[in-house]
Amino acid sequence: MGTEQTLERMRKMRLSGMVQAYLRDSQTEGISELSFEERLALMVDHEWTLRESNRIARLRKKARFRIDAMPEDIDYEHPRGLKRRLFQELLRCDWIRKGYNVLIIGPRAQYHSTLVASQLPIEHWHQCLGDSTVADAILDRIIHNAYKVVLRGESMRKIKRVLDTETEFNNNQSD
């Protein structure tokens, strides 16, 4: 069986990542120095990565997020009190496995764990919920075993809107 026939069969089996890896590696100098097992591992790894990437893209699309935000887009330099180390810990998702909650409080643009984002500080939640029995029950279940991230400063959505307006103004001035 020739290379083209093999590639066509791989396509029919929906192994497009392995096809891409094979075509890429066939042009890579020194690839023949790797053993068959090493080359096969590279192709399987590429297929795996492509499938995982596609799965995540499909899930994100299905979730219909209003904002296309990614963890790597977090701006830690803006003075909002975000701690890179805490976010790296949260991104490992151990808090979900442990059944903990995450509270993100401040201005900003589940299953067994809960993610709560609120512009209202925690100390005002009890008053806002009204009925003290209900408030106690809600707060008791989510606050005591939660990571708390308190944001400071202006909303990033508001800052971005101002920057976009300034950029548009500057672009219009140069016309």
Protein backbone atom coordinates (compact mmCIF):
# COMPACT_ATOMS: atom_id res chain seq x y z
CA MET A 1 0.00 0.00 0.00
CA GLY A 2 1.41 3.40 -0.99
CA THR A 3 1.65 6.56 1.08
CA GLU A 4 -1.29 8.28 -0.63
CA GLN A 5 -3.54 5.26 -0.09
CA THR A 6 -2.52 5.11 3.58
CA LEU A 7 -3.21 8.83 4.02
CA GLU A 8 -6.60 8.46 2.30
CA ARG A 9 -7.55 5.60 4.63
CA MET A 10 -6.46 7.68 7.63
CA ARG A 11 -8.70 10.51 6.38
CA LYS A 12 -11.63 8.11 5.99
CA MET A 13 -11.04 6.92 9.56
CA ARG A 14 -11.14 10.59 10.60
CA LEU A 15 -7.52 10.63 11.75
CA SER A 16 -6.86 14.09 10.33
CA GLY A 17 -4.40 14.93 13.12
CA MET A 18 -2.26 11.95 12.23
CA VAL A 19 -2.43 12.92 8.53
CA GLN A 20 -1.32 16.47 9.41
CA ALA A 21 1.50 15.14 11.59
CA TYR A 22 2.67 12.72 8.89
CA LEU A 23 2.71 15.43 6.21
CA ARG A 24 4.45 17.88 8.57
CA ASP A 25 7.03 15.34 9.70
CA SER A 26 7.73 14.11 6.18
CA GLN A 27 9.12 17.60 5.50
CA THR A 28 11.08 17.78 8.77
CA GLU A 29 14.81 17.32 8.49
CA GLY A 30 16.17 14.54 10.70
CA ILE A 31 12.80 12.85 11.29
CA SER A 32 14.17 9.59 9.88
CA GLU A 33 16.61 9.45 12.80
CA LEU A 34 13.68 8.76 15.13
CA SER A 35 12.52 5.20 15.66
CA PHE A 36 9.18 4.01 14.27
CA GLU A 37 7.73 4.09 17.79
CA GLU A 38 8.89 7.69 18.35
CA ARG A 39 7.41 8.84 15.01
CA LEU A 40 4.17 6.97 15.71
CA ALA A 41 4.02 8.56 19.18
CA LEU A 42 4.40 12.03 17.60
CA MET A 43 1.54 11.34 15.19
CA VAL A 44 -0.72 9.92 17.92
CA ASP A 45 0.09 12.88 20.18
CA HIS A 46 -0.83 15.30 17.39
CA GLU A 47 -4.11 13.45 16.79
CA TRP A 48 -4.88 13.51 20.52
CA THR A 49 -4.10 17.23 20.81
CA LEU A 50 -6.25 18.08 17.78
CA ARG A 51 -9.19 16.07 19.14
CA GLU A 52 -8.91 17.68 22.59
CA SER A 53 -8.73 21.12 21.01
CA ASN A 54 -11.79 20.38 18.87
CA ARG A 55 -13.65 19.00 21.90
CA ILE A 56 -12.96 22.13 23.91
CA ALA A 57 -13.99 24.36 20.99
CA ARG A 58 -17.23 22.35 20.59
CA LEU A 59 -18.02 22.60 24.32
CA ARG A 60 -17.30 26.34 24.38
CA LYS A 61 -19.59 26.85 21.39
CA LYS A 62 -22.31 24.74 23.02
CA ALA A 63 -22.00 26.78 26.24
CA ARG A 64 -22.83 29.98 24.29
CA PHE A 65 -20.60 32.20 26.40
CA ARG A 66 -21.39 35.88 25.93
CA ILE A 67 -17.71 36.76 26.16
CA ASP A 68 -14.97 34.67 24.59
CA ALA A 69 -12.56 34.83 27.54
CA MET A 70 -9.61 32.53 28.11
CA PRO A 71 -7.43 32.11 31.23
CA GLU A 72 -4.33 33.14 29.30
CA ASP A 73 -6.05 36.48 28.54
CA ILE A 74 -6.26 37.47 32.22
CA ASP A 75 -4.54 40.81 32.83
CA TYR A 76 -2.66 40.46 36.13
CA GLU A 77 -0.96 43.84 35.69
CA HIS A 78 -4.19 45.84 36.10
CA PRO A 79 -4.55 46.83 39.79
CA ARG A 80 -7.60 44.65 40.58
CA GLY A 81 -5.98 42.40 43.18
CA LEU A 82 -5.72 39.31 40.99
CA LYS A 83 -3.03 36.92 42.14
CA ARG A 84 -1.48 34.81 39.37
CA ARG A 85 -0.59 31.96 41.75
CA LEU A 86 -4.18 31.71 43.07
CA PHE A 87 -5.60 31.67 39.54
CA GLN A 88 -3.13 29.00 38.46
CA GLU A 89 -4.31 26.93 41.41
CA LEU A 90 -7.96 27.52 40.51
CA LEU A 91 -7.31 26.57 36.87
CA ARG A 92 -6.15 23.11 38.01
CA CYS A 93 -9.80 22.65 39.13
CA ASP A 94 -8.94 20.84 42.38
CA TRP A 95 -11.63 23.00 43.97
CA ILE A 96 -14.25 21.18 41.88
CA ARG A 97 -12.99 17.72 42.85
CA LYS A 98 -12.97 18.79 46.52
CA GLY A 99 -16.47 20.26 46.26
CA TYR A 100 -15.27 23.77 47.13
CA ASN A 101 -16.75 26.95 45.71
CA VAL A 102 -15.15 29.98 44.10
CA LEU A 103 -16.42 33.47 44.75
CA ILE A 104 -15.36 36.28 42.43
CA ILE A 105 -16.59 39.57 43.82
CA GLY A 106 -16.22 42.98 42.28
CA PRO A 107 -16.80 44.77 39.01
CA ARG A 108 -16.16 42.68 35.86
CA ALA A 109 -17.31 42.27 32.43
CA GLN A 110 -21.90 23.14 37.99
CA TYR A 111 -22.19 20.42 39.06
CA HIS A 112 -21.02 19.71 42.66
CA SER A 113 -19.15 22.96 42.98
CA THR A 114 -20.35 26.48 42.44
CA LEU A 115 -18.80 29.50 40.82
CA VAL A 116 -20.37 32.73 42.01
CA ALA A 117 -19.56 36.10 40.48
CA SER A 118 -21.07 39.15 42.12
CA GLN A 119 -20.60 42.89 42.10
CA LEU A 120 -22.03 43.02 45.62
CA PRO A 121 -19.48 42.56 48.44
CA ILE A 122 -20.02 39.42 50.59
CA GLU A 123 -20.75 41.47 53.70
CA HIS A 124 -23.90 42.86 51.96
CA TRP A 125 -25.24 39.50 50.74
CA HIS A 126 -27.15 38.70 53.94
CA GLN A 127 -29.04 42.00 53.84
CA CYS A 128 -29.69 41.70 50.10
CA LEU A 129 -31.14 38.18 50.40
CA GLY A 130 -33.72 39.47 52.87
CA ASP A 131 -35.09 36.41 54.69
CA SER A 132 -32.43 35.65 57.33
CA THR A 133 -33.15 31.89 57.33
CA VAL A 134 -32.70 31.66 53.56
CA ALA A 135 -29.65 33.93 53.68
CA ASP A 136 -28.05 31.81 56.42
CA ALA A 137 -28.70 28.61 54.47
CA ILE A 138 -27.29 29.98 51.20
CA LEU A 139 -24.27 31.66 52.71
CA ASP A 140 -23.46 28.68 54.95
CA ARG A 141 -23.31 26.38 51.92
CA ILE A 142 -21.14 28.52 49.66
CA ILE A 143 -18.90 30.81 51.70
CA HIS A 144 -17.17 28.60 54.27
CA ASN A 145 -15.36 26.27 51.85
CA ALA A 146 -14.74 28.76 49.05
CA TYR A 147 -11.76 30.49 47.54
CA LYS A 148 -12.51 34.20 47.52
CA VAL A 149 -11.21 36.54 44.84
CA VAL A 150 -12.02 40.17 45.59
CA LEU A 151 -11.50 42.50 42.63
CA ARG A 152 -10.62 46.17 42.99
CA GLY A 153 -10.65 49.04 40.54
CA GLU A 154 -12.80 49.68 37.51
CA SER A 155 -14.61 47.05 35.50
CA MET A 156 -12.42 45.71 32.68
CA ARG A 157 -15.45 45.95 30.39
CA LYS A 158 -15.70 49.68 31.18
CA ILE A 159 -11.93 50.19 30.70
CA LYS A 160 -11.99 48.30 27.39
CA ARG A 161 -14.94 50.43 26.21
CA VAL A 162 -12.99 53.61 27.01
CA LEU A 163 -9.86 52.29 25.23
CA ASP A 164 -11.93 51.24 22.20
CA THR A 165 -13.55 54.69 22.10
CA GLU A 166 -10.12 56.39 22.31
CA THR A 167 -8.75 54.16 19.54
CA GLU A 168 -11.75 54.92 17.34
CA PHE A 169 -11.38 58.66 18.04
CA ASN A 170 -7.64 58.54 17.18
CA ASN A 171 -8.35 56.59 13.99
CA ASN A 172 -10.95 59.16 12.94
CA GLN A 173 -8.50 62.00 13.66
CA SER A 174 -5.88 60.50 11.34
CA ASP A 175 -8.34 60.22 8.40
